[in-house]
Protein backbone atom coordinates (compact mmCIF):
# COMPACT_ATOMS: atom_id res chain seq x y z
CA MET A 1 74.96 155.92 202.72
CA LEU A 2 75.06 159.76 204.10
CA GLU A 3 75.74 160.80 200.84
CA ALA A 4 72.51 159.19 199.07
CA ILE A 5 70.35 160.72 201.83
CA ARG A 6 71.59 164.35 200.50
CA ASN A 7 71.66 163.56 196.99
CA ALA A 8 68.03 162.68 197.70
CA PHE A 9 67.30 165.96 199.20
CA ARG A 10 68.93 167.69 196.35
CA LEU A 11 66.40 166.71 193.77
CA PRO A 12 62.98 168.80 194.23
CA ASP A 13 60.55 166.06 193.01
CA LEU A 14 62.32 163.46 195.20
CA ARG A 15 62.67 165.92 197.88
CA GLN A 16 58.90 166.85 198.17
CA LYS A 17 57.79 163.04 198.33
CA LEU A 18 60.26 162.80 201.27
CA LEU A 19 58.83 165.84 203.11
CA VAL A 20 55.04 164.78 202.17
CA THR A 21 56.01 161.14 204.15
CA ILE A 22 57.42 162.58 207.00
CA GLY A 23 54.18 165.12 207.16
CA ILE A 24 52.06 162.75 206.89
CA LEU A 25 53.78 160.15 209.22
CA VAL A 26 53.79 163.29 211.83
CA LEU A 27 49.87 163.81 211.05
CA TYR A 28 48.98 160.26 211.56
CA ARG A 29 50.72 160.29 215.37
CA PHE A 30 49.04 163.72 216.17
CA ALA A 31 45.65 161.87 215.05
CA ALA A 32 46.64 159.44 217.85
CA HIS A 33 46.29 161.48 220.34
CA ILE A 34 43.14 162.91 219.65
CA PRO A 35 40.86 161.47 223.04
CA LEU A 36 37.58 159.33 222.75
CA PRO A 37 34.79 160.64 224.92
CA GLY A 38 34.57 158.79 228.36
CA VAL A 39 37.93 157.38 228.50
CA ASN A 40 39.22 156.74 231.71
CA ARG A 41 43.08 157.64 231.41
CA GLY A 42 43.68 156.25 234.92
CA VAL A 43 42.39 153.46 234.51
CA LEU A 44 43.53 152.85 230.87
CA ASP A 45 47.22 153.21 231.98
CA GLN A 46 46.73 150.60 234.77
CA LEU A 47 45.43 148.44 232.65
CA PHE A 48 48.43 148.59 230.12
CA ALA A 49 50.99 148.84 232.60
CA GLY A 50 51.92 145.22 233.33
CA SER A 51 48.46 143.34 235.05
CA ASP A 52 47.76 139.84 234.38
CA ASN A 53 45.43 140.50 231.27
CA SER A 54 48.04 143.01 229.53
CA MET A 55 49.63 140.35 227.21
CA LEU A 56 46.75 139.52 225.60
CA LEU A 57 45.98 143.47 225.11
CA ASN A 58 49.56 144.26 224.05
CA LEU A 59 48.78 141.45 221.08
CA LEU A 60 45.80 144.10 220.00
CA ASN A 61 47.73 146.64 220.54
CA PHE A 62 50.19 145.60 218.28
CA PHE A 63 47.92 144.88 215.64
CA SER A 64 46.64 148.34 216.00
CA GLY A 65 50.03 149.99 215.80
CA GLY A 66 50.43 151.15 219.67
CA GLY A 67 46.43 152.80 219.01
CA LEU A 68 45.05 150.76 221.44
CA ALA A 69 46.58 151.94 224.74
CA GLN A 70 45.94 155.39 223.82
CA MET A 71 42.51 154.82 223.21
CA GLY A 72 41.80 157.68 220.92
CA ILE A 73 39.92 157.80 217.25
CA MET A 74 43.29 155.50 215.87
CA ALA A 75 42.27 152.94 218.19
CA LEU A 76 42.04 150.21 215.73
CA GLY A 77 44.90 151.52 213.34
CA VAL A 78 44.19 150.31 209.79
CA TYR A 79 44.25 146.44 210.94
CA PRO A 80 40.54 146.28 209.56
CA TYR A 81 41.81 147.10 206.53
CA ILE A 82 44.54 144.99 206.41
CA THR A 83 42.11 142.05 207.44
CA ALA A 84 39.20 143.19 204.58
CA SER A 85 42.62 143.19 202.12
CA ILE A 86 43.21 139.32 202.96
CA ILE A 87 39.90 138.47 202.94
CA MET A 88 39.57 139.85 199.48
CA GLN A 89 43.00 138.26 198.26
CA LEU A 90 41.78 135.16 200.07
CA LEU A 91 38.31 134.63 198.32
CA THR A 92 39.69 136.38 194.58
CA PRO A 93 40.82 133.05 193.40
CA ILE A 94 37.60 131.46 194.74
CA VAL A 95 34.63 133.48 193.58
CA PRO A 96 34.53 133.94 189.97
CA ALA A 97 33.50 137.17 189.53
CA LEU A 98 36.68 138.43 191.64
CA GLU A 99 38.72 136.65 189.42
CA GLU A 100 37.67 138.26 186.38
CA LEU A 101 37.80 141.50 187.63
CA SER A 102 41.29 140.84 188.74
CA LYS A 103 42.21 140.08 185.32
CA GLU A 104 41.06 143.21 183.78
CA GLY A 105 44.04 145.27 184.48
CA GLU A 106 44.15 148.17 186.15
CA GLN A 107 40.32 148.96 186.12
CA GLY A 108 39.68 145.59 188.11
CA ARG A 109 42.17 146.23 190.70
CA HIS A 110 40.49 149.48 191.30
CA LYS A 111 36.74 147.58 191.32
CA ILE A 112 38.59 145.58 194.46
CA ASN A 113 39.98 148.15 196.15
CA GLN A 114 36.76 149.77 196.31
CA TYR A 115 35.20 146.34 197.57
CA THR A 116 37.82 146.52 199.94
CA TYR A 117 37.05 149.79 201.34
CA TRP A 118 33.52 148.82 202.17
CA MET A 119 34.53 145.38 203.92
CA THR A 120 36.52 147.81 206.14
CA VAL A 121 33.59 149.62 207.68
CA PRO A 122 31.97 146.62 209.31
CA LEU A 123 34.53 145.00 210.23
CA ALA A 124 36.05 148.50 212.10
CA VAL A 125 32.32 147.92 213.64
CA LEU A 126 32.89 145.15 214.77
CA GLN A 127 36.16 145.18 216.11
CA ALA A 128 35.33 148.45 217.59
CA ILE A 129 32.78 146.45 219.53
CA ALA A 130 34.27 143.58 220.64
CA GLN A 131 37.54 145.79 221.94
CA ALA A 132 36.06 148.55 224.08
CA THR A 133 33.93 145.36 225.50
CA LEU A 134 37.15 143.46 225.94
CA LEU A 135 38.71 146.59 227.96
CA ASN A 136 35.88 147.06 230.06
CA GLN A 137 35.56 143.43 231.27
CA GLN A 138 38.89 143.52 231.99
CA SER A 139 39.75 146.77 233.67
CA PRO A 140 41.39 146.72 237.01
CA ALA A 141 39.34 146.90 240.71
CA GLY A 142 35.99 146.41 238.51
CA LEU A 143 36.54 150.53 237.15
CA PRO A 144 35.63 150.76 233.61
CA VAL A 145 37.66 151.87 231.26
CA LEU A 146 34.55 153.54 229.04
CA THR A 147 32.74 155.25 231.67
CA ASN A 148 29.39 154.81 229.38
CA TRP A 149 29.72 151.81 227.65
CA GLY A 150 26.29 150.34 226.59
CA PHE A 151 23.97 150.27 224.35
CA THR A 152 20.98 150.94 226.48
CA GLY A 153 19.38 153.70 228.13
CA ALA A 154 21.62 156.54 228.59
CA ASN A 155 24.69 155.32 227.57
CA PHE A 156 23.73 154.40 223.78
CA LEU A 157 24.74 157.81 222.31
CA PRO A 158 27.83 158.14 223.75
CA SER A 159 28.71 154.34 222.99
CA LEU A 160 27.77 154.82 219.45
CA THR A 161 30.02 157.99 219.11
CA ILE A 162 32.72 155.50 220.36
CA LEU A 163 31.94 153.14 217.45
CA ILE A 164 31.39 156.36 214.68
CA GLY A 165 34.57 158.17 216.03
CA MET A 166 36.85 154.46 216.16
CA THR A 167 35.36 153.15 212.74
CA ALA A 168 36.14 157.39 211.23
CA GLY A 169 39.87 157.20 212.48
CA THR A 170 40.71 153.99 210.84
CA MET A 171 39.00 155.37 207.25
CA PHE A 172 41.19 158.58 208.08
CA ALA A 173 44.05 156.46 208.82
CA VAL A 174 43.79 154.42 205.31
CA TRP A 175 42.59 157.47 203.23
CA LEU A 176 46.24 158.88 204.95
CA GLY A 177 47.89 155.51 203.82
CA GLN A 178 46.68 156.01 200.03
CA LEU A 179 47.52 159.34 200.02
CA LEU A 180 51.17 159.01 201.07
CA THR A 181 51.49 155.95 198.82
CA GLU A 182 50.55 158.25 195.81
CA GLN A 183 52.36 161.66 196.89
CA GLY A 184 55.15 159.94 199.12
CA ILE A 185 57.90 157.11 198.80
CA GLY A 186 56.73 153.80 199.54
CA ASN A 187 53.80 151.77 200.63
CA GLY A 188 51.32 153.95 202.53
CA VAL A 189 49.40 151.95 204.70
CA SER A 190 52.66 149.76 206.01
CA LEU A 191 54.20 153.23 206.64
CA ILE A 192 51.22 153.79 208.95
CA ILE A 193 51.90 150.67 210.58
CA PHE A 194 55.54 151.44 210.80
CA ALA A 195 54.85 154.87 212.52
CA GLY A 196 52.62 153.22 215.45
CA ILE A 197 55.68 150.46 216.15
CA LEU A 198 58.29 153.01 216.32
CA SER A 199 56.14 154.85 218.72
CA SER A 200 56.64 152.35 221.30
CA VAL A 201 60.61 152.40 221.31
CA PRO A 202 61.09 154.63 223.84
CA PHE A 203 58.90 153.68 226.57
CA GLN A 204 59.92 149.94 225.41
CA ILE A 205 63.76 151.36 225.94
CA ARG A 206 62.78 153.33 229.37
CA LEU A 207 61.40 150.18 230.59
CA LEU A 208 64.66 147.85 229.77
CA SER A 209 66.62 150.75 231.07
CA GLN A 210 65.83 149.72 234.69
CA GLN A 211 68.37 147.25 233.97
CA PRO A 212 70.98 147.80 232.05
CA VAL A 213 72.88 144.63 231.62
CA LEU A 214 69.18 143.47 230.29
CA LEU A 215 69.12 146.22 228.08
CA VAL A 216 72.42 145.43 226.21
CA ILE A 217 71.42 141.98 226.18
CA PHE A 218 68.19 142.95 224.50
CA ILE A 219 69.88 145.36 222.19
CA LEU A 220 72.32 143.19 220.37
CA ILE A 221 69.36 140.48 220.19
CA THR A 222 67.38 143.14 218.42
CA ILE A 223 70.47 143.65 216.13
CA ALA A 224 70.55 140.21 215.19
CA THR A 225 67.46 139.25 214.63
CA VAL A 226 67.29 142.55 212.49
CA ALA A 227 70.42 141.18 210.53
CA LEU A 228 68.63 137.41 209.92
CA ILE A 229 65.66 138.80 208.58
CA VAL A 230 67.43 141.03 206.12
CA TRP A 231 69.31 137.94 205.28
CA VAL A 232 66.21 135.86 204.43
CA GLN A 233 63.87 138.62 203.03
CA GLU A 234 66.32 138.92 200.39
CA GLY A 235 66.86 135.35 199.81
CA GLN A 236 65.35 133.90 196.21
CA ARG A 237 65.86 131.24 193.87
CA ARG A 238 66.44 132.29 190.43
CA ILE A 239 64.75 129.85 188.15
CA PRO A 240 66.65 130.54 184.37
CA VAL A 241 63.78 131.56 181.42
CA GLN A 242 65.06 131.23 177.85
CA TYR A 243 62.64 132.63 175.26
CA GLY A 244 62.68 131.49 172.16
CA LYS A 245 63.21 133.04 168.75
CA ARG A 246 60.51 133.75 167.09
CA VAL A 247 59.47 136.15 163.46
CA ARG A 248 57.05 139.00 164.22
CA THR A 249 55.64 141.18 161.18
CA MET A 250 56.27 144.75 161.87
CA ARG A 251 54.84 147.66 159.97
CA GLY A 252 55.46 147.95 156.11
CA ASN A 253 54.71 144.07 155.75
CA ARG A 254 58.67 144.13 157.26
CA MET A 255 59.74 140.47 159.03
CA MET A 256 61.78 140.99 162.64
CA MET A 257 63.36 138.24 164.37
CA VAL A 258 62.34 138.96 168.27
CA GLY A 259 62.88 137.05 171.60
CA GLY A 260 65.80 134.33 172.48
CA GLN A 261 66.95 136.45 175.42
CA SER A 262 67.56 134.43 178.64
CA THR A 263 66.70 135.90 182.22
CA HIS A 264 64.88 133.98 185.69
CA ILE A 265 61.63 134.25 187.84
CA PRO A 266 62.86 134.98 191.49
CA LEU A 267 60.87 132.78 193.81
CA ARG A 268 61.69 133.94 197.23
CA VAL A 269 62.45 132.23 200.12
CA ASN A 270 59.96 134.05 202.56
CA THR A 271 56.87 135.17 199.63
CA ALA A 272 54.24 135.04 202.36
CA GLY A 273 55.57 138.02 204.35
CA MET A 274 54.10 138.56 207.54
CA ILE A 275 50.56 137.86 206.81
CA PRO A 276 51.16 134.22 208.45
CA LEU A 277 51.53 135.61 211.13
CA ILE A 278 48.73 137.69 211.37
CA PHE A 279 46.82 134.66 210.82
CA ALA A 280 48.14 132.68 213.48
CA GLN A 281 47.75 135.40 216.42
CA SER A 282 43.99 136.22 214.59
CA LEU A 283 42.96 132.79 214.92
CA LEU A 284 45.04 132.28 218.76
CA ILE A 285 43.67 135.45 220.10
CA LEU A 286 40.08 134.47 219.34
CA PRO A 287 39.72 131.93 221.92
CA SER A 288 40.84 133.76 224.64
CA THR A 289 39.11 136.19 223.81
CA VAL A 290 35.59 134.67 223.67
CA ALA A 291 36.42 132.80 226.94
CA SER A 292 37.19 136.36 228.49
CA TYR A 293 33.26 137.16 228.23
CA PHE A 294 32.44 133.67 230.74
CA VAL A 295 34.91 133.55 233.04
CA GLN A 296 32.27 135.15 235.52
CA SER A 297 29.33 132.99 234.49
CA SER A 298 27.17 132.05 236.98
CA THR A 299 26.86 128.75 235.34
CA GLY A 300 29.59 126.13 237.09
CA TRP A 301 30.95 123.77 234.29
CA ILE A 302 30.96 127.48 231.75
CA SER A 303 32.74 129.11 234.09
CA GLY A 304 35.37 126.44 234.67
CA MET A 305 35.78 125.80 230.49
CA ALA A 306 35.82 129.51 229.73
CA ASN A 307 38.89 129.63 232.37
CA TRP A 308 40.37 126.53 231.08
CA PHE A 309 40.11 127.93 227.50
CA TYR A 310 41.38 132.00 229.05
CA THR A 311 44.35 130.05 230.68
CA ALA A 312 45.51 127.66 227.83
CA PHE A 313 45.56 130.51 224.90
CA ASN A 314 47.31 132.87 226.83
CA PRO A 315 50.45 134.00 225.68
CA THR A 316 51.90 133.16 229.64
CA ASN A 317 51.03 129.40 228.51
CA PHE A 318 53.65 127.44 226.50
CA LEU A 319 50.35 125.59 224.63
CA TYR A 320 49.76 129.00 222.90
CA TRP A 321 53.86 129.37 221.58
CA LEU A 322 53.54 125.89 220.28
CA LEU A 323 50.51 126.78 218.38
CA TYR A 324 51.53 129.56 217.16
CA PHE A 325 54.89 128.16 215.80
CA LEU A 326 52.74 125.46 214.09
CA PHE A 327 50.09 127.89 212.93
CA THR A 328 52.39 130.49 211.43
CA VAL A 329 54.05 127.21 209.74
CA ALA A 330 51.03 126.02 207.96
CA PHE A 331 49.94 129.12 207.24
CA THR A 332 53.01 130.08 205.07
CA TYR A 333 52.50 127.28 203.29
CA PHE A 334 49.10 128.20 202.74
CA TYR A 335 49.50 132.05 201.79
CA THR A 336 52.05 131.11 199.47
CA ASP A 337 50.30 128.86 197.55
CA VAL A 338 47.45 130.96 197.07
CA MET A 339 49.74 133.66 195.88
CA PHE A 340 51.95 131.87 193.70
CA ARG A 341 48.49 130.08 192.05
CA GLN A 342 47.40 133.52 191.37
CA GLN A 343 50.10 134.41 189.80
CA ASN A 344 49.85 131.62 187.11
CA LEU A 345 53.28 131.41 186.09
CA PRO A 346 53.31 128.19 183.56
CA GLU A 347 50.72 129.85 181.78
CA THR A 348 52.10 133.07 181.00
CA LEU A 349 55.57 131.67 180.33
CA GLN A 350 53.73 129.58 177.73
CA LYS A 351 51.74 132.25 176.40
CA GLN A 352 55.06 134.14 175.98
CA GLY A 353 57.28 131.86 174.46
CA GLY A 354 59.15 130.92 177.50
CA PHE A 355 60.27 128.04 178.64
CA ILE A 356 62.80 126.53 181.88
CA PRO A 357 65.76 124.78 180.20
CA GLY A 358 65.33 120.95 180.33
CA ILE A 359 61.75 121.36 181.31
CA ARG A 360 58.99 120.90 178.91
CA PRO A 361 56.30 123.76 179.07
CA GLY A 362 52.75 123.54 180.43
CA PRO A 363 52.34 120.87 183.60
CA ARG A 364 55.67 119.85 183.45
CA THR A 365 56.82 123.77 184.12
CA GLU A 366 53.87 124.08 186.70
CA SER A 367 55.20 120.63 188.62
CA TYR A 368 58.71 121.84 188.72
CA LEU A 369 57.89 124.92 190.02
CA ASN A 370 55.79 123.83 192.55
CA GLY A 371 58.12 121.45 193.60
CA VAL A 372 61.07 124.07 194.23
CA LEU A 373 58.81 126.45 195.55
CA GLN A 374 57.50 123.72 198.29
CA ARG A 375 61.32 123.63 199.23
CA ILE A 376 62.75 127.04 199.49
CA THR A 377 58.87 127.77 201.60
CA LEU A 378 60.31 125.42 204.19
CA VAL A 379 62.95 127.89 205.04
CA GLY A 380 60.75 130.62 204.76
CA ALA A 381 58.07 128.79 207.15
CA LEU A 382 60.68 127.64 209.94
CA PHE A 383 61.98 131.00 209.86
CA LEU A 384 58.77 132.90 210.62
CA GLY A 385 57.93 130.55 212.82
CA PHE A 386 61.33 131.02 214.45
CA ILE A 387 60.59 134.83 214.24
CA ALA A 388 57.04 134.36 215.88
CA VAL A 389 58.26 132.57 219.24
CA LEU A 390 61.21 134.29 219.80
CA PRO A 391 59.97 136.59 222.78
CA TYR A 392 59.04 133.38 224.20
CA LEU A 393 62.58 132.32 223.76
CA VAL A 394 64.04 135.17 224.62
CA GLY A 395 61.92 135.78 228.24
CA VAL A 396 63.11 131.93 228.82
CA LEU A 397 66.89 133.24 228.50
CA ALA A 398 66.49 136.05 230.46
CA SER A 399 63.95 134.50 233.52
CA GLY A 400 66.70 131.86 233.44
CA LEU A 401 69.39 134.60 234.08
CA PHE A 402 67.68 137.29 236.31
CA GLY A 403 65.44 135.14 238.30
CA GLY A 404 62.32 136.17 236.18
CA ALA A 405 62.80 139.67 235.80
CA GLY A 406 59.41 142.05 236.12
CA VAL A 407 60.16 143.41 232.41
CA MET A 408 59.40 139.83 231.07
CA SER A 409 56.30 139.65 232.21
CA ASN A 410 55.47 141.97 229.15
CA TYR A 411 54.49 140.41 225.83
CA GLN A 412 57.00 143.14 224.19
CA SER A 413 60.13 141.04 225.29
CA LEU A 414 62.44 142.88 222.67
CA ILE A 415 62.93 146.19 222.19
CA ILE A 416 60.56 145.92 219.18
CA SER A 417 58.56 142.84 219.08
CA SER A 418 59.72 140.04 216.83
CA ALA A 419 56.59 140.51 214.58
CA GLY A 420 57.18 144.58 214.73
CA LEU A 421 60.80 144.30 213.29
CA LEU A 422 59.45 142.00 210.46
CA ILE A 423 57.27 144.69 209.77
CA VAL A 424 60.11 147.63 210.14
CA VAL A 425 63.06 145.57 208.32
CA GLY A 426 60.25 145.09 205.23
CA VAL A 427 58.85 148.88 205.28
CA VAL A 428 62.67 149.98 205.63
CA LEU A 429 63.96 148.06 202.90
CA ASP A 430 60.87 148.78 200.46
CA THR A 431 61.40 152.49 200.94
CA MET A 432 65.36 152.41 200.54
CA LYS A 433 64.69 150.46 197.38
CA GLN A 434 61.95 153.03 195.92
CA ILE A 435 64.24 155.94 196.82
CA GLU A 436 67.05 153.91 195.27
CA ALA A 437 65.18 153.14 192.15
CA GLN A 438 64.77 157.36 192.18
CA LEU A 439 68.55 157.88 192.40
CA LEU A 440 69.30 155.43 189.68
CA MET A 441 67.09 156.98 187.28
CA ARG A 442 68.82 160.20 187.82
CA ASN A 443 72.65 158.61 187.54
CA TYR A 444 73.13 159.20 191.68
CA GLU A 445 74.62 155.99 193.28
CA GLY A 446 72.01 154.96 196.05
CA PHE A 447 71.98 152.88 199.40
CA ILE A 448 72.59 149.82 197.96
CA ARG A 449 75.86 148.57 196.81
């Protein structure tokens, strides 16, 4: 591995890509510490220091890549862009105009990306309003995190400045991600999230170092989780495909026999990646977030119902984790089916003269591939469900062994949360494969044996 790294830095163009990647990530982390006006740092730190409300806030902080805890211009991270991308992916097979664009090649994809950027702006504004309001409502001892928040009177311009700053920060982060994809190595937006997740590791290690035995246990669990994620992420079912021989007319009226080769279709065990986790968490956050606005209502039944929803859908409650597991499994099947239908593999095979041995082309092939996909997706869905509830299982284990240690009150019950580990491992694997491809093009051995 060290030899592969040295080979990568010996090549001028690859070295430039790696340095650009590192430079953009460093720039992003510096930008994440640019403060917004009117933020009370003491109250913000106290809010994220382990209060009862920090469980929900840590989920939102995870989505922002650690930016919410800083409450700077990168407080939203690239999450509004990810939300817009998911919405566009789901709308593409439903809206005929978008489906036509997706079939127009590079120009169509460019137009869909443009729509995604436009959708990111209003989503960022709405999310900025929601998170700023939530921070102020859940601030300890009634002290506001944002001292001039509100859209009436003298607070209007400071609040507008905060909204513009958070939205501009999101678009700047998206631009950095696009620049990283074009000039660096790996997927830019994924690497931006990757950098935000890793930035929380020193704090988690410092927090857990108060109990060395617990730190060692968590390190071992983290290593085992990484190994499991790599094993499942790389798992695939290879469907053999045979292409029939056919005669093609070449220039000069020459006839040439083409085709006849064998290949395979790799169906991944976890086709959906971590998207189902984002779906499930977003859906589960909504009830407690909305309920938090009505907890202190003067109407008794409204306050009581809001308290029930806030408690039931709080990450400290068993119901939350049960629903998290079930939603993750359901969304895995849903998103995998959407992605598979967009690929339209049976029709593509039939157009190219390919067939699965023993399976008739057309509807029979489609039925066969759907059946195989449903079976292997069960493994991927249960795996993602396990990854989703792993913090709860580790929390129960640590509470039993250490009598409810204080560090377990934090949602991030691993050195990196299980969903964060899924992102980190996926990004590292993707980046390593890209470096591997660059090295193999130049006859160097890479990382993977």
